[in-house]
Amino acid sequence: EKEVVAILDATFILVCCIRLASFGRINPSVYRYVKVVSRSTYAIIIYCLMFGMVMCGVMALAHAVWSPYLETFSTYTMTISAVVLSIYHPFTEVMEMYNLSPAWTLPFLVYVVICIGMFMVHVFLAIIIHAYWEVELLEREGKHDKSWSVDQWLDWALWGFVYTKITGRKPGSSRMRGQVSAEEDSDSDSSSDSDEER
């Protein structure tokens, strides 16, 4: 019985924390931060697939060339750890690598430093910066949009089906600031256009 009560308490606290975090979306800075994270997550996942393929190629090459000679590349697990750690600090056995395979060492090290260390790692930062400026340009508040409208409060506070019953709109339709006023403006524009056609 105590375990059930503890589980119910933990679930209640989790729901309260999630609701409190969603309440933070009222703050424009928190709202934009959530948008940046959501926009950049998909691009980072796609880029991780490409980055993973390049890393697998580097690992396979290192393992094929130096696995018979060096313990660092003797197994796939050790090769993976050596190549991943080489992103932040260079290989520790560079001279041994060169003595064992002088034809492969220099092209391999140049490729790892330029392609992975200088270019591919920094693309993660570029994705986040791009998402940040995209959100800043698209979600920036105007001077008249500092506070939420009643429709935005209802959209945040009510369950989706209750919000739909009360307002007749889909849940989440008022998340973009100024959307309600933009809809009213477009309705008035369309009615004025139809009046002019008559």
N, C-alpha and C. Protein backbone atom coordinates (compact mmCIF):
# COMPACT_ATOMS: atom_id res chain seq x y z
N GLU A 1 0.82 -1.20 0.00
CA GLU A 1 0.00 0.00 0.00
C GLU A 1 0.87 1.26 0.00
N LYS A 2 1.98 1.25 0.74
CA LYS A 2 2.87 2.40 0.77
C LYS A 2 3.50 2.64 -0.59
N GLU A 3 3.80 1.55 -1.31
CA GLU A 3 4.39 1.69 -2.64
C GLU A 3 3.41 2.36 -3.60
N VAL A 4 2.14 1.98 -3.51
CA VAL A 4 1.12 2.59 -4.38
C VAL A 4 0.98 4.08 -4.08
N VAL A 5 0.98 4.43 -2.79
CA VAL A 5 0.88 5.84 -2.41
C VAL A 5 2.10 6.61 -2.90
N ALA A 6 3.29 6.00 -2.79
CA ALA A 6 4.50 6.67 -3.25
C ALA A 6 4.46 6.87 -4.77
N ILE A 7 3.97 5.88 -5.49
CA ILE A 7 3.86 5.99 -6.95
C ILE A 7 2.86 7.08 -7.33
N LEU A 8 1.72 7.13 -6.63
CA LEU A 8 0.72 8.16 -6.90
C LEU A 8 1.27 9.55 -6.58
N ASP A 9 2.01 9.67 -5.46
CA ASP A 9 2.62 10.96 -5.12
C ASP A 9 3.61 11.39 -6.20
N ALA A 10 4.44 10.46 -6.63
CA ALA A 10 5.44 10.78 -7.66
C ALA A 10 4.76 11.18 -8.97
N THR A 11 3.69 10.47 -9.34
CA THR A 11 2.96 10.80 -10.56
C THR A 11 2.33 12.19 -10.46
N PHE A 12 1.74 12.49 -9.30
CA PHE A 12 1.14 13.81 -9.10
C PHE A 12 2.18 14.92 -9.20
N ILE A 13 3.34 14.71 -8.58
CA ILE A 13 4.41 15.71 -8.64
C ILE A 13 4.91 15.87 -10.06
N LEU A 14 5.02 14.76 -10.80
CA LEU A 14 5.45 14.83 -12.20
C LEU A 14 4.46 15.64 -13.03
N VAL A 15 3.17 15.40 -12.85
CA VAL A 15 2.15 16.15 -13.59
C VAL A 15 2.20 17.63 -13.23
N CYS A 16 2.39 17.93 -11.95
CA CYS A 16 2.50 19.34 -11.53
C CYS A 16 3.72 20.00 -12.14
N CYS A 17 4.84 19.30 -12.18
CA CYS A 17 6.06 19.87 -12.77
C CYS A 17 5.90 20.10 -14.27
N ILE A 18 5.25 19.16 -14.96
CA ILE A 18 5.01 19.34 -16.40
C ILE A 18 4.10 20.53 -16.63
N ARG A 19 3.08 20.66 -15.80
CA ARG A 19 2.16 21.79 -15.95
C ARG A 19 2.87 23.11 -15.64
N LEU A 20 3.73 23.10 -14.63
CA LEU A 20 4.49 24.31 -14.30
C LEU A 20 5.43 24.68 -15.45
N ALA A 21 6.06 23.66 -16.06
CA ALA A 21 6.94 23.94 -17.19
C ALA A 21 6.15 24.49 -18.36
N SER A 22 4.96 23.95 -18.61
CA SER A 22 4.16 24.48 -19.71
C SER A 22 3.65 25.89 -19.38
N PHE A 23 3.48 26.19 -18.11
CA PHE A 23 3.09 27.53 -17.71
C PHE A 23 4.19 28.55 -18.04
N GLY A 24 5.44 28.06 -18.07
CA GLY A 24 6.55 28.93 -18.43
C GLY A 24 6.47 29.46 -19.84
N ARG A 25 5.66 28.82 -20.69
CA ARG A 25 5.52 29.29 -22.06
C ARG A 25 4.87 30.67 -22.14
N ILE A 26 4.26 31.10 -21.06
CA ILE A 26 3.69 32.46 -21.05
C ILE A 26 4.82 33.48 -21.20
N ASN A 27 5.95 33.18 -20.57
CA ASN A 27 7.10 34.06 -20.69
C ASN A 27 7.64 33.95 -22.12
N PRO A 28 7.76 35.05 -22.84
CA PRO A 28 8.22 34.98 -24.23
C PRO A 28 9.59 34.36 -24.40
N SER A 29 10.49 34.57 -23.44
CA SER A 29 11.83 33.99 -23.56
C SER A 29 11.78 32.47 -23.47
N VAL A 30 10.99 31.96 -22.54
CA VAL A 30 10.85 30.51 -22.40
C VAL A 30 10.15 29.93 -23.63
N TYR A 31 9.15 30.62 -24.13
CA TYR A 31 8.43 30.18 -25.33
C TYR A 31 9.38 30.06 -26.52
N ARG A 32 10.22 31.09 -26.70
CA ARG A 32 11.17 31.05 -27.82
C ARG A 32 12.23 29.97 -27.62
N TYR A 33 12.65 29.75 -26.37
CA TYR A 33 13.62 28.70 -26.09
C TYR A 33 13.05 27.33 -26.46
N VAL A 34 11.81 27.08 -26.09
CA VAL A 34 11.17 25.80 -26.44
C VAL A 34 11.08 25.65 -27.95
N LYS A 35 10.76 26.73 -28.65
CA LYS A 35 10.68 26.68 -30.11
C LYS A 35 12.05 26.39 -30.73
N VAL A 36 13.11 26.99 -30.18
CA VAL A 36 14.46 26.75 -30.69
C VAL A 36 14.83 25.28 -30.52
N VAL A 37 14.54 24.73 -29.34
CA VAL A 37 14.87 23.32 -29.09
C VAL A 37 14.08 22.42 -30.02
N SER A 38 12.79 22.70 -30.20
CA SER A 38 11.97 21.83 -31.05
C SER A 38 12.37 21.94 -32.52
N ARG A 39 12.74 23.14 -32.99
CA ARG A 39 13.15 23.29 -34.39
C ARG A 39 14.51 22.66 -34.65
N SER A 40 15.43 22.76 -33.69
CA SER A 40 16.77 22.25 -33.93
C SER A 40 16.89 20.74 -33.69
N THR A 41 16.00 20.15 -32.91
CA THR A 41 16.11 18.73 -32.60
C THR A 41 16.01 17.87 -33.85
N TYR A 42 15.05 18.13 -34.70
CA TYR A 42 14.87 17.33 -35.92
C TYR A 42 16.10 17.44 -36.82
N ALA A 43 16.61 18.66 -37.01
CA ALA A 43 17.79 18.84 -37.87
C ALA A 43 19.01 18.17 -37.27
N ILE A 44 19.15 18.20 -35.96
CA ILE A 44 20.30 17.55 -35.33
C ILE A 44 20.21 16.04 -35.46
N ILE A 45 19.01 15.47 -35.35
CA ILE A 45 18.85 14.02 -35.53
C ILE A 45 19.25 13.61 -36.94
N ILE A 46 18.79 14.35 -37.94
CA ILE A 46 19.15 14.05 -39.32
C ILE A 46 20.66 14.19 -39.52
N TYR A 47 21.23 15.26 -38.97
CA TYR A 47 22.67 15.47 -39.13
C TYR A 47 23.48 14.40 -38.40
N CYS A 48 22.97 13.92 -37.26
CA CYS A 48 23.67 12.84 -36.53
C CYS A 48 23.77 11.58 -37.38
N LEU A 49 22.76 11.31 -38.19
CA LEU A 49 22.85 10.14 -39.08
C LEU A 49 24.00 10.31 -40.06
N MET A 50 24.12 11.50 -40.65
CA MET A 50 25.21 11.74 -41.59
C MET A 50 26.56 11.74 -40.86
N PHE A 51 26.63 12.38 -39.72
CA PHE A 51 27.86 12.42 -38.94
C PHE A 51 28.28 11.02 -38.51
N GLY A 52 27.30 10.20 -38.14
CA GLY A 52 27.59 8.82 -37.75
C GLY A 52 28.16 8.00 -38.88
N MET A 53 27.66 8.22 -40.10
CA MET A 53 28.21 7.49 -41.26
C MET A 53 29.66 7.88 -41.52
N VAL A 54 29.97 9.16 -41.42
CA VAL A 54 31.36 9.61 -41.62
C VAL A 54 32.26 9.03 -40.53
N MET A 55 31.79 9.05 -39.29
CA MET A 55 32.58 8.49 -38.20
C MET A 55 32.79 6.99 -38.37
N CYS A 56 31.77 6.28 -38.85
CA CYS A 56 31.92 4.85 -39.09
C CYS A 56 32.97 4.59 -40.17
N GLY A 57 32.99 5.43 -41.21
CA GLY A 57 34.01 5.28 -42.24
C GLY A 57 35.41 5.51 -41.70
N VAL A 58 35.57 6.52 -40.87
CA VAL A 58 36.89 6.80 -40.27
C VAL A 58 37.30 5.65 -39.36
N MET A 59 36.36 5.13 -38.58
CA MET A 59 36.67 4.01 -37.69
C MET A 59 37.05 2.76 -38.47
N ALA A 60 36.32 2.49 -39.54
CA ALA A 60 36.63 1.30 -40.35
C ALA A 60 38.01 1.43 -40.98
N LEU A 61 38.34 2.61 -41.48
CA LEU A 61 39.66 2.83 -42.08
C LEU A 61 40.77 2.66 -41.05
N ALA A 62 40.62 3.27 -39.88
CA ALA A 62 41.64 3.16 -38.84
C ALA A 62 41.80 1.71 -38.39
N HIS A 63 40.70 1.02 -38.23
CA HIS A 63 40.77 -0.38 -37.80
C HIS A 63 41.42 -1.25 -38.88
N ALA A 64 41.10 -1.01 -40.14
CA ALA A 64 41.66 -1.83 -41.22
C ALA A 64 43.16 -1.62 -41.37
N VAL A 65 43.63 -0.38 -41.20
CA VAL A 65 45.05 -0.09 -41.43
C VAL A 65 45.92 -0.46 -40.23
N TRP A 66 45.48 -0.11 -39.02
CA TRP A 66 46.36 -0.24 -37.86
C TRP A 66 45.96 -1.32 -36.86
N SER A 67 44.90 -2.05 -37.06
CA SER A 67 44.49 -3.05 -36.07
C SER A 67 45.51 -4.17 -35.87
N PRO A 68 46.26 -4.61 -36.89
CA PRO A 68 47.24 -5.67 -36.61
C PRO A 68 48.44 -5.20 -35.80
N TYR A 69 48.65 -3.88 -35.72
CA TYR A 69 49.89 -3.38 -35.15
C TYR A 69 49.71 -2.66 -33.82
N LEU A 70 48.65 -1.89 -33.67
CA LEU A 70 48.48 -1.05 -32.48
C LEU A 70 47.31 -1.53 -31.64
N GLU A 71 47.50 -1.52 -30.34
CA GLU A 71 46.43 -1.95 -29.44
C GLU A 71 45.26 -0.98 -29.45
N THR A 72 45.54 0.31 -29.71
CA THR A 72 44.49 1.33 -29.73
C THR A 72 43.42 1.02 -30.78
N PHE A 73 43.81 0.40 -31.87
CA PHE A 73 42.88 0.08 -32.96
C PHE A 73 42.65 -1.42 -33.11
N SER A 74 42.99 -2.21 -32.09
CA SER A 74 42.92 -3.67 -32.22
C SER A 74 41.49 -4.21 -32.24
N THR A 75 40.58 -3.58 -31.54
CA THR A 75 39.18 -4.01 -31.57
C THR A 75 38.30 -2.84 -32.04
N TYR A 76 37.09 -3.18 -32.44
CA TYR A 76 36.19 -2.11 -32.88
C TYR A 76 35.84 -1.16 -31.73
N THR A 77 35.70 -1.70 -30.54
CA THR A 77 35.36 -0.86 -29.39
C THR A 77 36.46 0.14 -29.09
N MET A 78 37.70 -0.32 -29.10
CA MET A 78 38.83 0.58 -28.82
C MET A 78 39.01 1.58 -29.97
N THR A 79 38.73 1.14 -31.20
CA THR A 79 38.84 2.05 -32.34
C THR A 79 37.79 3.15 -32.24
N ILE A 80 36.56 2.77 -31.86
CA ILE A 80 35.49 3.76 -31.70
C ILE A 80 35.88 4.79 -30.64
N SER A 81 36.36 4.32 -29.50
CA SER A 81 36.73 5.27 -28.44
C SER A 81 37.89 6.15 -28.87
N ALA A 82 38.88 5.59 -29.58
CA ALA A 82 40.03 6.40 -30.01
C ALA A 82 39.61 7.46 -31.02
N VAL A 83 38.75 7.10 -31.97
CA VAL A 83 38.33 8.07 -32.99
C VAL A 83 37.42 9.14 -32.39
N VAL A 84 36.50 8.74 -31.52
CA VAL A 84 35.62 9.73 -30.90
C VAL A 84 36.41 10.68 -30.01
N LEU A 85 37.37 10.16 -29.26
CA LEU A 85 38.19 11.03 -28.42
C LEU A 85 39.11 11.92 -29.24
N SER A 86 39.41 11.52 -30.47
CA SER A 86 40.28 12.35 -31.32
C SER A 86 39.61 13.64 -31.76
N ILE A 87 38.31 13.76 -31.57
CA ILE A 87 37.62 15.01 -31.90
C ILE A 87 38.13 16.14 -31.01
N TYR A 88 38.42 15.82 -29.74
CA TYR A 88 38.81 16.85 -28.79
C TYR A 88 40.31 16.91 -28.51
N HIS A 89 41.01 15.81 -28.68
CA HIS A 89 42.48 15.84 -28.56
C HIS A 89 43.05 14.84 -29.57
N PRO A 90 44.26 15.11 -30.06
CA PRO A 90 44.79 14.27 -31.14
C PRO A 90 45.10 12.85 -30.68
N PHE A 91 45.33 12.00 -31.68
CA PHE A 91 45.70 10.62 -31.38
C PHE A 91 47.00 10.61 -30.58
N THR A 92 47.11 9.69 -29.65
CA THR A 92 48.29 9.64 -28.78
C THR A 92 49.47 8.91 -29.43
N GLU A 93 49.21 8.07 -30.42
CA GLU A 93 50.27 7.24 -31.02
C GLU A 93 50.53 7.63 -32.47
N VAL A 94 50.66 8.92 -32.72
CA VAL A 94 50.82 9.39 -34.10
C VAL A 94 52.12 8.89 -34.72
N MET A 95 53.20 8.93 -33.98
CA MET A 95 54.49 8.48 -34.54
C MET A 95 54.48 6.99 -34.82
N GLU A 96 53.88 6.21 -33.95
CA GLU A 96 53.77 4.76 -34.21
C GLU A 96 52.90 4.51 -35.44
N MET A 97 51.83 5.27 -35.57
CA MET A 97 50.98 5.13 -36.76
C MET A 97 51.77 5.45 -38.02
N TYR A 98 52.57 6.50 -37.97
CA TYR A 98 53.36 6.89 -39.14
C TYR A 98 54.44 5.85 -39.46
N ASN A 99 55.12 5.33 -38.44
CA ASN A 99 56.15 4.32 -38.69
C ASN A 99 55.58 3.04 -39.28
N LEU A 100 54.37 2.67 -38.88
CA LEU A 100 53.76 1.44 -39.37
C LEU A 100 53.12 1.61 -40.75
N SER A 101 52.58 2.79 -41.04
CA SER A 101 51.93 3.01 -42.33
C SER A 101 52.09 4.47 -42.74
N PRO A 102 53.25 4.83 -43.30
CA PRO A 102 53.48 6.23 -43.65
C PRO A 102 52.57 6.73 -44.76
N ALA A 103 52.12 5.85 -45.65
CA ALA A 103 51.26 6.30 -46.76
C ALA A 103 49.86 6.69 -46.29
N TRP A 104 49.35 6.05 -45.24
CA TRP A 104 47.99 6.30 -44.78
C TRP A 104 47.90 7.32 -43.65
N THR A 105 48.95 7.50 -42.89
CA THR A 105 48.86 8.31 -41.67
C THR A 105 48.55 9.77 -41.96
N LEU A 106 49.33 10.40 -42.83
CA LEU A 106 49.12 11.83 -43.08
C LEU A 106 47.74 12.12 -43.69
N PRO A 107 47.31 11.40 -44.76
CA PRO A 107 45.95 11.67 -45.27
C PRO A 107 44.85 11.40 -44.23
N PHE A 108 45.05 10.35 -43.44
CA PHE A 108 44.05 10.03 -42.41
C PHE A 108 43.95 11.15 -41.38
N LEU A 109 45.10 11.61 -40.87
CA LEU A 109 45.07 12.66 -39.84
C LEU A 109 44.54 13.98 -40.39
N VAL A 110 44.92 14.33 -41.62
CA VAL A 110 44.41 15.56 -42.23
C VAL A 110 42.90 15.49 -42.39
N TYR A 111 42.41 14.33 -42.85
CA TYR A 111 40.96 14.16 -43.03
C TYR A 111 40.23 14.28 -41.69
N VAL A 112 40.76 13.62 -40.66
CA VAL A 112 40.10 13.66 -39.35
C VAL A 112 40.08 15.08 -38.79
N VAL A 113 41.21 15.79 -38.90
CA VAL A 113 41.28 17.13 -38.32
C VAL A 113 40.40 18.11 -39.09
N ILE A 114 40.49 18.09 -40.42
CA ILE A 114 39.74 19.08 -41.21
C ILE A 114 38.27 18.73 -41.30
N CYS A 115 37.96 17.51 -41.68
CA CYS A 115 36.56 17.15 -41.93
C CYS A 115 35.76 17.03 -40.64
N ILE A 116 36.30 16.30 -39.67
CA ILE A 116 35.53 16.06 -38.45
C ILE A 116 35.77 17.15 -37.42
N GLY A 117 37.04 17.41 -37.10
CA GLY A 117 37.35 18.36 -36.04
C GLY A 117 36.98 19.79 -36.35
N MET A 118 37.26 20.24 -37.59
CA MET A 118 37.04 21.65 -37.91
C MET A 118 35.68 21.91 -38.53
N PHE A 119 35.13 20.96 -39.25
CA PHE A 119 33.89 21.22 -39.98
C PHE A 119 32.67 20.57 -39.34
N MET A 120 32.68 19.25 -39.24
CA MET A 120 31.44 18.54 -38.89
C MET A 120 30.98 18.81 -37.47
N VAL A 121 31.90 18.95 -36.52
CA VAL A 121 31.49 19.20 -35.14
C VAL A 121 30.82 20.57 -35.01
N HIS A 122 31.30 21.54 -35.78
CA HIS A 122 30.76 22.89 -35.67
C HIS A 122 29.40 23.05 -36.35
N VAL A 123 29.01 22.09 -37.16
CA VAL A 123 27.69 22.16 -37.79
C VAL A 123 26.58 22.03 -36.74
N PHE A 124 26.83 21.29 -35.66
CA PHE A 124 25.85 21.21 -34.58
C PHE A 124 25.55 22.61 -34.03
N LEU A 125 26.59 23.38 -33.81
CA LEU A 125 26.40 24.76 -33.35
C LEU A 125 25.68 25.60 -34.39
N ALA A 126 26.02 25.39 -35.66
CA ALA A 126 25.38 26.16 -36.74
C ALA A 126 23.88 25.84 -36.81
N ILE A 127 23.50 24.60 -36.59
CA ILE A 127 22.08 24.22 -36.61
C ILE A 127 21.33 24.96 -35.50
N ILE A 128 21.91 24.99 -34.31
CA ILE A 128 21.24 25.65 -33.19
C ILE A 128 21.14 27.16 -33.43
N ILE A 129 22.21 27.76 -33.96
CA ILE A 129 22.18 29.20 -34.24
C ILE A 129 21.15 29.51 -35.31
N HIS A 130 21.07 28.67 -36.33
CA HIS A 130 20.07 28.89 -37.38
C HIS A 130 18.65 28.80 -36.81
N ALA A 131 18.41 27.79 -35.97
CA ALA A 131 17.09 27.66 -35.35
C ALA A 131 16.78 28.86 -34.46
N TYR A 132 17.79 29.35 -33.74
CA TYR A 132 17.58 30.51 -32.87
C TYR A 132 17.15 31.73 -33.68
N TRP A 133 17.88 32.04 -34.75
CA TRP A 133 17.54 33.24 -35.53
C TRP A 133 16.24 33.05 -36.29
N GLU A 134 15.94 31.83 -36.69
CA GLU A 134 14.66 31.57 -37.34
C GLU A 134 13.51 31.87 -36.38
N VAL A 135 13.65 31.41 -35.14
CA VAL A 135 12.62 31.67 -34.14
C VAL A 135 12.56 33.16 -33.81
N GLU A 136 13.70 33.82 -33.71
CA GLU A 136 13.70 35.25 -33.42
C GLU A 136 12.98 36.04 -34.50
N LEU A 137 13.17 35.64 -35.75
CA LEU A 137 12.52 36.38 -36.84
C LEU A 137 11.04 36.07 -36.96
N LEU A 138 10.67 34.80 -36.73
CA LEU A 138 9.27 34.40 -36.93
C LEU A 138 8.39 34.60 -35.70
N GLU A 139 8.98 34.46 -34.52
CA GLU A 139 8.17 34.48 -33.30
C GLU A 139 8.34 35.75 -32.47
N ARG A 140 9.03 36.73 -33.00
CA ARG A 140 9.26 37.95 -32.23
C ARG A 140 7.94 38.66 -31.97
N GLU A 141 7.84 39.17 -30.76
CA GLU A 141 6.59 39.85 -30.39
C GLU A 141 6.58 41.27 -30.90
N GLY A 142 5.41 41.72 -31.28
CA GLY A 142 5.24 43.13 -31.56
C GLY A 142 4.98 43.87 -30.27
N LYS A 143 4.91 45.18 -30.35
CA LYS A 143 4.70 45.96 -29.14
C LYS A 143 3.31 45.72 -28.54
N HIS A 144 2.35 45.39 -29.40
CA HIS A 144 0.98 45.20 -28.91
C HIS A 144 0.72 43.77 -28.46
N ASP A 145 1.70 42.86 -28.61
CA ASP A 145 1.49 41.45 -28.28
C ASP A 145 2.17 41.03 -26.99
N LYS A 146 2.29 41.93 -26.03
CA LYS A 146 3.00 41.62 -24.79
C LYS A 146 2.21 40.66 -23.91
N SER A 147 0.89 40.75 -23.91
CA SER A 147 0.10 39.89 -23.04
C SER A 147 -0.73 38.93 -23.88
N TRP A 148 -1.12 37.84 -23.24
CA TRP A 148 -1.92 36.84 -23.93
C TRP A 148 -3.37 37.32 -24.04
N SER A 149 -4.01 36.89 -25.13
CA SER A 149 -5.44 37.15 -25.28
C SER A 149 -6.22 36.09 -24.49
N VAL A 150 -7.52 36.29 -24.38
CA VAL A 150 -8.37 35.32 -23.68
C VAL A 150 -8.32 33.98 -24.39
N ASP A 151 -8.29 34.01 -25.72
CA ASP A 151 -8.23 32.78 -26.50
C ASP A 151 -6.94 32.01 -26.22
N GLN A 152 -5.84 32.70 -26.07
CA GLN A 152 -4.58 32.02 -25.77
C GLN A 152 -4.60 31.42 -24.37
N TRP A 153 -5.19 32.12 -23.42
CA TRP A 153 -5.32 31.57 -22.07
C TRP A 153 -6.18 30.32 -22.07
N LEU A 154 -7.30 30.37 -22.78
CA LEU A 154 -8.17 29.19 -22.84
C LEU A 154 -7.46 28.02 -23.51
N ASP A 155 -6.70 28.30 -24.57
CA ASP A 155 -5.97 27.25 -25.27
C ASP A 155 -4.93 26.60 -24.36
N TRP A 156 -4.30 27.39 -23.53
CA TRP A 156 -3.30 26.85 -22.63
C TRP A 156 -3.94 26.09 -21.46
N ALA A 157 -5.02 26.63 -20.91
CA ALA A 157 -5.58 26.10 -19.66
C ALA A 157 -6.49 24.89 -19.85
N LEU A 158 -7.12 24.76 -21.01
CA LEU A 158 -8.12 23.72 -21.17
C LEU A 158 -7.58 22.53 -21.97
N TRP A 159 -8.21 21.37 -21.74
CA TRP A 159 -7.92 20.22 -22.58
C TRP A 159 -8.40 20.51 -23.99
N GLY A 160 -7.83 19.78 -24.94
CA GLY A 160 -8.12 20.05 -26.34
C GLY A 160 -9.59 19.97 -26.69
N PHE A 161 -10.27 18.91 -26.24
CA PHE A 161 -11.68 18.75 -26.61
C PHE A 161 -12.55 19.81 -25.95
N VAL A 162 -12.19 20.25 -24.73
CA VAL A 162 -12.96 21.30 -24.06
C VAL A 162 -12.76 22.63 -24.79
N TYR A 163 -11.51 22.90 -25.18
CA TYR A 163 -11.22 24.14 -25.92
C TYR A 163 -11.98 24.16 -27.24
N THR A 164 -12.04 23.02 -27.93
CA THR A 164 -12.77 22.95 -29.20
C THR A 164 -14.26 23.18 -28.98
N LYS A 165 -14.84 22.61 -27.91
CA LYS A 165 -16.26 22.80 -27.62
C LYS A 165 -16.59 24.26 -27.32
N ILE A 166 -15.71 24.93 -26.58
CA ILE A 166 -15.99 26.30 -26.18
C ILE A 166 -15.79 27.28 -27.32
N THR A 167 -14.65 27.16 -28.02
CA THR A 167 -14.30 28.18 -29.03
C THR A 167 -14.60 27.76 -30.46
N GLY A 168 -14.70 26.46 -30.70
CA GLY A 168 -14.91 25.99 -32.07
C GLY A 168 -13.62 25.93 -32.89
N ARG A 169 -12.47 26.16 -32.27
CA ARG A 169 -11.18 26.10 -32.96
C ARG A 169 -10.42 24.84 -32.53
N LYS A 170 -9.43 24.48 -33.34
CA LYS A 170 -8.59 23.34 -33.01
C LYS A 170 -7.66 23.72 -31.86
N PRO A 171 -7.32 22.75 -30.98
CA PRO A 171 -6.35 23.05 -29.92
C PRO A 171 -5.01 23.43 -30.53
N GLY A 172 -4.37 24.42 -29.93
CA GLY A 172 -3.08 24.89 -30.43
C GLY A 172 -3.17 25.96 -31.49
N SER A 173 -4.38 26.34 -31.87
CA SER A 173 -4.52 27.33 -32.94
C SER A 173 -4.10 28.73 -32.51
N SER A 174 -4.06 28.98 -31.21
CA SER A 174 -3.70 30.33 -30.77
C SER A 174 -2.29 30.40 -30.20
N ARG A 175 -1.49 29.39 -30.43
CA ARG A 175 -0.13 29.40 -29.87
C ARG A 175 0.74 30.46 -30.50
N MET A 176 0.56 30.69 -31.77
CA MET A 176 1.32 31.76 -32.42
C MET A 176 0.73 33.08 -31.98
N ARG A 177 1.55 33.93 -31.44
CA ARG A 177 1.07 35.22 -30.95
C ARG A 177 0.57 36.05 -32.11
N GLY A 178 -0.56 36.67 -31.89
CA GLY A 178 -1.12 37.53 -32.92
C GLY A 178 -1.92 36.80 -33.96
N GLN A 179 -2.08 35.49 -33.82
CA GLN A 179 -2.82 34.74 -34.84
C GLN A 179 -4.29 35.10 -34.82
N VAL A 180 -4.82 35.31 -33.64
CA VAL A 180 -6.24 35.64 -33.55
C VAL A 180 -6.51 36.97 -34.24
N SER A 181 -5.66 37.95 -33.97
CA SER A 181 -5.86 39.25 -34.61
C SER A 181 -5.60 39.16 -36.09
N ALA A 182 -4.66 38.29 -36.51
CA ALA A 182 -4.40 38.13 -37.94
C ALA A 182 -5.60 37.51 -38.64
N GLU A 183 -6.27 36.56 -37.96
CA GLU A 183 -7.47 35.96 -38.55
C GLU A 183 -8.57 37.00 -38.69
N GLU A 184 -8.73 37.85 -37.67
CA GLU A 184 -9.76 38.88 -37.74
C GLU A 184 -9.45 39.87 -38.86
N ASP A 185 -8.16 40.22 -39.02
CA ASP A 185 -7.77 41.12 -40.09
C ASP A 185 -8.03 40.52 -41.46
N SER A 186 -7.71 39.20 -41.59
CA SER A 186 -7.95 38.55 -42.89
C SER A 186 -9.44 38.44 -43.18
N ASP A 187 -10.25 38.22 -42.12
CA ASP A 187 -11.71 38.17 -42.32
C ASP A 187 -12.24 39.52 -42.78
N SER A 188 -11.75 40.60 -42.15
CA SER A 188 -12.21 41.93 -42.55
C SER A 188 -11.72 42.28 -43.95
N ASP A 189 -10.51 41.83 -44.32
CA ASP A 189 -9.99 42.09 -45.67
C ASP A 189 -10.82 41.34 -46.72
N SER A 190 -11.14 40.07 -46.40
CA SER A 190 -11.91 39.29 -47.37
C SER A 190 -13.32 39.85 -47.53
N SER A 191 -13.92 40.33 -46.41
CA SER A 191 -15.27 40.90 -46.53
C SER A 191 -15.23 42.22 -47.31
N SER A 192 -14.17 43.02 -47.13
CA SER A 192 -14.07 44.26 -47.87
C SER A 192 -13.82 43.99 -49.36
N ASP A 193 -13.05 42.92 -49.67
CA ASP A 193 -12.83 42.55 -51.08
C ASP A 193 -14.13 42.11 -51.74
N SER A 194 -14.92 41.31 -50.98
CA SER A 194 -16.19 40.85 -51.57
C SER A 194 -17.16 42.00 -51.75
N ASP A 195 -17.12 43.02 -50.86
CA ASP A 195 -17.96 44.20 -51.00
C ASP A 195 -17.57 45.00 -52.26
N GLU A 196 -16.26 45.09 -52.50
CA GLU A 196 -15.79 45.83 -53.65
C GLU A 196 -16.17 45.14 -54.96
N GLU A 197 -16.18 43.79 -54.96
CA GLU A 197 -16.54 43.05 -56.17
C GLU A 197 -18.01 43.28 -56.52
N ARG A 198 -18.85 43.46 -55.51
CA ARG A 198 -20.27 43.67 -55.76
C ARG A 198 -20.46 45.06 -56.33
